Amino acid sequence: MSILYKTTRFADTFSGDKETNVRVQLLSWDTLNTKAFVEYLAFKNNISKGDAYKNLSMVLEGIEAILKNGNILNLEDFGSFSLNGSFCEDKEPGENHRAESIEVKNVVFKAEKHLKKRIAAAGFEKYNPERHNKRKY
């Protein structure tokens, strides 16, 4: 299976350049929820759905615990998970900041280049409405 894409032409209005540029949009077959992902893991690894769910839960709970302890999780050849924070309210630079005024802004995942290469190795195929009309996008 390959990754579908389509191209869109657009004019760069910010730079004042009238030249038309091309943008690539990657298309998804579908969005998997937890249940569908567990079914996929069970089928792919020849284990029960219950075992697949337990394994997935252990991994997700582990990631959450590592981030809650203020650590960065780096999975070689896959990617890293980290946190970004910000203050809940706008504060003046000279004011004292308390721990209660800090919130998690984002949980960040940054894919390793090896993961990107392995996914790209699946190949790309240009979207054709006549051929791919049975799939959701």
C-alpha atoms as a PDB file:
ATOM      1  CA  MET A   1       0.000   0.000   0.000  1.00  0.00           C
ATOM      2  CA  SER A   2       1.244   3.471  -0.771  1.00  0.00           C
ATOM      3  CA  ILE A   3       0.542   6.928   0.611  1.00  0.00           C
ATOM      4  CA  LEU A   4      -1.879   8.930  -1.527  1.00  0.00           C
ATOM      5  CA  TYR A   5      -1.245  12.556  -2.337  1.00  0.00           C
ATOM      6  CA  LYS A   6      -2.696  15.340  -4.413  1.00  0.00           C
ATOM      7  CA  THR A   7      -1.252  18.657  -5.499  1.00  0.00           C
ATOM      8  CA  THR A   8      -2.806  22.096  -5.276  1.00  0.00           C
ATOM      9  CA  ARG A   9      -1.672  25.218  -7.080  1.00  0.00           C
ATOM     10  CA  PHE A  10      -1.599  28.516  -5.178  1.00  0.00           C
ATOM     11  CA  ALA A  11      -0.236  32.018  -5.608  1.00  0.00           C
ATOM     12  CA  ASP A  12       2.235  33.332  -3.040  1.00  0.00           C
ATOM     13  CA  THR A  13       0.433  36.501  -1.935  1.00  0.00           C
ATOM     14  CA  PHE A  14       2.769  37.295   0.971  1.00  0.00           C
ATOM     15  CA  SER A  15       5.890  37.932  -1.070  1.00  0.00           C
ATOM     16  CA  GLY A  16       4.012  39.718  -3.852  1.00  0.00           C
ATOM     17  CA  ASP A  17       5.318  37.114  -6.255  1.00  0.00           C
ATOM     18  CA  LYS A  18       2.696  36.348  -8.898  1.00  0.00           C
ATOM     19  CA  GLU A  19       4.274  32.989  -9.666  1.00  0.00           C
ATOM     20  CA  THR A  20       2.083  29.979  -8.940  1.00  0.00           C
ATOM     21  CA  ASN A  21       3.479  27.431  -6.513  1.00  0.00           C
ATOM     22  CA  VAL A  22       2.474  23.822  -5.902  1.00  0.00           C
ATOM     23  CA  ARG A  23       1.607  22.373  -2.491  1.00  0.00           C
ATOM     24  CA  VAL A  24       1.497  18.649  -1.681  1.00  0.00           C
ATOM     25  CA  GLN A  25      -1.355  17.319   0.457  1.00  0.00           C
ATOM     26  CA  LEU A  26      -1.097  13.790   1.865  1.00  0.00           C
ATOM     27  CA  LEU A  27      -4.435  11.974   2.053  1.00  0.00           C
ATOM     28  CA  SER A  28      -5.530   9.511   4.736  1.00  0.00           C
ATOM     29  CA  TRP A  29      -7.476   6.347   4.091  1.00  0.00           C
ATOM     30  CA  ASP A  30      -9.129   6.529   7.466  1.00  0.00           C
ATOM     31  CA  THR A  31      -8.645   7.535  11.101  1.00  0.00           C
ATOM     32  CA  LEU A  32      -8.206   4.648  13.516  1.00  0.00           C
ATOM     33  CA  ASN A  33      -9.663   4.930  16.996  1.00  0.00           C
ATOM     34  CA  THR A  34      -8.340   2.933  19.947  1.00  0.00           C
ATOM     35  CA  LYS A  35     -10.634  -0.041  19.287  1.00  0.00           C
ATOM     36  CA  ALA A  36      -9.603  -0.305  15.629  1.00  0.00           C
ATOM     37  CA  PHE A  37      -5.922   0.058  16.541  1.00  0.00           C
ATOM     38  CA  VAL A  38      -6.214  -2.698  19.170  1.00  0.00           C
ATOM     39  CA  GLU A  39      -7.886  -4.961  16.587  1.00  0.00           C
ATOM     40  CA  TYR A  40      -5.047  -4.230  14.152  1.00  0.00           C
ATOM     41  CA  LEU A  41      -2.388  -5.000  16.793  1.00  0.00           C
ATOM     42  CA  ALA A  42      -4.137  -8.239  17.777  1.00  0.00           C
ATOM     43  CA  PHE A  43      -4.417  -9.402  14.163  1.00  0.00           C
ATOM     44  CA  LYS A  44      -0.877  -8.357  13.189  1.00  0.00           C
ATOM     45  CA  ASN A  45       0.739 -10.019  16.235  1.00  0.00           C
ATOM     46  CA  ASN A  46      -1.594 -13.035  16.496  1.00  0.00           C
ATOM     47  CA  ILE A  47      -2.658 -12.224  20.062  1.00  0.00           C
ATOM     48  CA  SER A  48      -6.036 -11.675  21.687  1.00  0.00           C
ATOM     49  CA  LYS A  49      -7.674  -8.262  21.615  1.00  0.00           C
ATOM     50  CA  GLY A  50      -7.514  -8.231  25.416  1.00  0.00           C
ATOM     51  CA  ASP A  51      -3.750  -8.766  25.392  1.00  0.00           C
ATOM     52  CA  ALA A  52      -3.316  -6.143  22.671  1.00  0.00           C
ATOM     53  CA  TYR A  53      -5.333  -3.645  24.724  1.00  0.00           C
ATOM     54  CA  LYS A  54      -3.281  -4.392  27.870  1.00  0.00           C
ATOM     55  CA  ASN A  55      -0.015  -3.927  25.962  1.00  0.00           C
ATOM     56  CA  LEU A  56      -1.175  -0.648  24.429  1.00  0.00           C
ATOM     57  CA  SER A  57      -2.380   0.583  27.835  1.00  0.00           C
ATOM     58  CA  MET A  58       0.988  -0.241  29.423  1.00  0.00           C
ATOM     59  CA  VAL A  59       2.874   1.704  26.747  1.00  0.00           C
ATOM     60  CA  LEU A  60       0.574   4.739  26.953  1.00  0.00           C
ATOM     61  CA  GLU A  61       0.627   4.766  30.771  1.00  0.00           C
ATOM     62  CA  GLY A  62       4.422   4.521  30.658  1.00  0.00           C
ATOM     63  CA  ILE A  63       4.716   7.491  28.296  1.00  0.00           C
ATOM     64  CA  GLU A  64       2.360   9.513  30.500  1.00  0.00           C
ATOM     65  CA  ALA A  65       4.285   8.653  33.695  1.00  0.00           C
ATOM     66  CA  ILE A  66       7.635   9.577  32.135  1.00  0.00           C
ATOM     67  CA  LEU A  67       6.294  12.948  30.977  1.00  0.00           C
ATOM     68  CA  LYS A  68       4.622  13.611  34.370  1.00  0.00           C
ATOM     69  CA  ASN A  69       8.006  13.109  36.042  1.00  0.00           C
ATOM     70  CA  GLY A  70       9.494  15.852  33.877  1.00  0.00           C
ATOM     71  CA  ASN A  71      11.459  13.556  31.603  1.00  0.00           C
ATOM     72  CA  ILE A  72      11.790  13.377  27.827  1.00  0.00           C
ATOM     73  CA  LEU A  73      11.170   9.961  26.279  1.00  0.00           C
ATOM     74  CA  ASN A  74      13.444   9.196  23.336  1.00  0.00           C
ATOM     75  CA  LEU A  75      12.654   5.967  21.480  1.00  0.00           C
ATOM     76  CA  GLU A  76      15.562   5.295  19.122  1.00  0.00           C
ATOM     77  CA  ASP A  77      14.594   5.073  15.432  1.00  0.00           C
ATOM     78  CA  PHE A  78      11.035   6.142  16.315  1.00  0.00           C
ATOM     79  CA  GLY A  79      10.846   9.572  17.951  1.00  0.00           C
ATOM     80  CA  SER A  80      10.765  11.570  21.152  1.00  0.00           C
ATOM     81  CA  PHE A  81       7.993  12.815  23.435  1.00  0.00           C
ATOM     82  CA  SER A  82       8.387  16.023  25.451  1.00  0.00           C
ATOM     83  CA  LEU A  83       6.324  18.816  27.025  1.00  0.00           C
ATOM     84  CA  ASN A  84       6.001  22.541  26.378  1.00  0.00           C
ATOM     85  CA  GLY A  85       4.691  24.787  29.130  1.00  0.00           C
ATOM     86  CA  SER A  86       3.386  28.319  29.514  1.00  0.00           C
ATOM     87  CA  PHE A  87       1.876  30.586  32.154  1.00  0.00           C
ATOM     88  CA  CYS A  88      -1.909  30.452  32.583  1.00  0.00           C
ATOM     89  CA  GLU A  89      -2.189  34.233  32.912  1.00  0.00           C
ATOM     90  CA  ASP A  90      -0.202  37.034  31.364  1.00  0.00           C
ATOM     91  CA  LYS A  91       2.421  38.081  33.871  1.00  0.00           C
ATOM     92  CA  GLU A  92       4.782  41.010  33.893  1.00  0.00           C
ATOM     93  CA  PRO A  93       8.431  39.976  33.475  1.00  0.00           C
ATOM     94  CA  GLY A  94       9.360  41.180  36.980  1.00  0.00           C
ATOM     95  CA  GLU A  95       6.496  39.452  38.821  1.00  0.00           C
ATOM     96  CA  ASN A  96       6.955  36.296  40.853  1.00  0.00           C
ATOM     97  CA  HIS A  97       5.687  33.212  39.075  1.00  0.00           C
ATOM     98  CA  ARG A  98       4.208  30.330  41.028  1.00  0.00           C
ATOM     99  CA  ALA A  99       4.016  26.679  40.035  1.00  0.00           C
ATOM    100  CA  GLU A 100       0.203  26.929  40.042  1.00  0.00           C
ATOM    101  CA  SER A 101       0.351  29.456  37.209  1.00  0.00           C
ATOM    102  CA  ILE A 102       2.086  27.051  34.810  1.00  0.00           C
ATOM    103  CA  GLU A 103       0.153  24.792  32.452  1.00  0.00           C
ATOM    104  CA  VAL A 104       1.141  22.176  29.895  1.00  0.00           C
ATOM    105  CA  LYS A 105       0.809  23.874  26.552  1.00  0.00           C
ATOM    106  CA  ASN A 106       1.600  20.896  24.314  1.00  0.00           C
ATOM    107  CA  VAL A 107       2.718  17.302  24.401  1.00  0.00           C
ATOM    108  CA  VAL A 108       5.209  17.231  21.561  1.00  0.00           C
ATOM    109  CA  PHE A 109       6.141  14.237  19.409  1.00  0.00           C
ATOM    110  CA  LYS A 110       9.100  14.621  17.076  1.00  0.00           C
ATOM    111  CA  ALA A 111       9.635  11.749  14.666  1.00  0.00           C
ATOM    112  CA  GLU A 112      13.172  10.449  14.120  1.00  0.00           C
ATOM    113  CA  LYS A 113      14.552  10.593  10.585  1.00  0.00           C
ATOM    114  CA  HIS A 114      14.691   6.766  10.449  1.00  0.00           C
ATOM    115  CA  LEU A 115      10.924   6.559  11.071  1.00  0.00           C
ATOM    116  CA  LYS A 116      10.280   9.141   8.354  1.00  0.00           C
ATOM    117  CA  LYS A 117      12.445   7.157   5.918  1.00  0.00           C
ATOM    118  CA  ARG A 118      10.700   3.858   6.730  1.00  0.00           C
ATOM    119  CA  ILE A 119       7.268   5.415   6.200  1.00  0.00           C
ATOM    120  CA  ALA A 120       8.350   7.119   2.965  1.00  0.00           C
ATOM    121  CA  ALA A 121       9.637   3.741   1.737  1.00  0.00           C
ATOM    122  CA  ALA A 122       5.978   2.701   1.374  1.00  0.00           C
ATOM    123  CA  GLY A 123       5.944   4.980  -1.662  1.00  0.00           C
ATOM    124  CA  PHE A 124       3.613   7.672  -2.867  1.00  0.00           C
ATOM    125  CA  GLU A 125       0.786   7.447  -5.382  1.00  0.00           C
ATOM    126  CA  LYS A 126      -1.038  10.372  -6.958  1.00  0.00           C
ATOM    127  CA  TYR A 127      -4.740  10.491  -6.059  1.00  0.00           C
ATOM    128  CA  ASN A 128      -7.057   9.537  -8.915  1.00  0.00           C
ATOM    129  CA  PRO A 129     -10.811  10.034  -8.176  1.00  0.00           C
ATOM    130  CA  GLU A 130     -11.889   7.282 -10.580  1.00  0.00           C
ATOM    131  CA  ARG A 131      -9.555   4.738  -9.025  1.00  0.00           C
ATOM    132  CA  HIS A 132      -9.729   5.743  -5.350  1.00  0.00           C
ATOM    133  CA  ASN A 133     -13.381   6.829  -5.019  1.00  0.00           C
ATOM    134  CA  LYS A 134     -14.316   3.963  -2.670  1.00  0.00           C
ATOM    135  CA  ARG A 135     -12.078   5.211   0.126  1.00  0.00           C
ATOM    136  CA  LYS A 136     -12.692   7.943   2.714  1.00  0.00           C
ATOM    137  CA  TYR A 137     -10.465  11.008   2.864  1.00  0.00           C
END
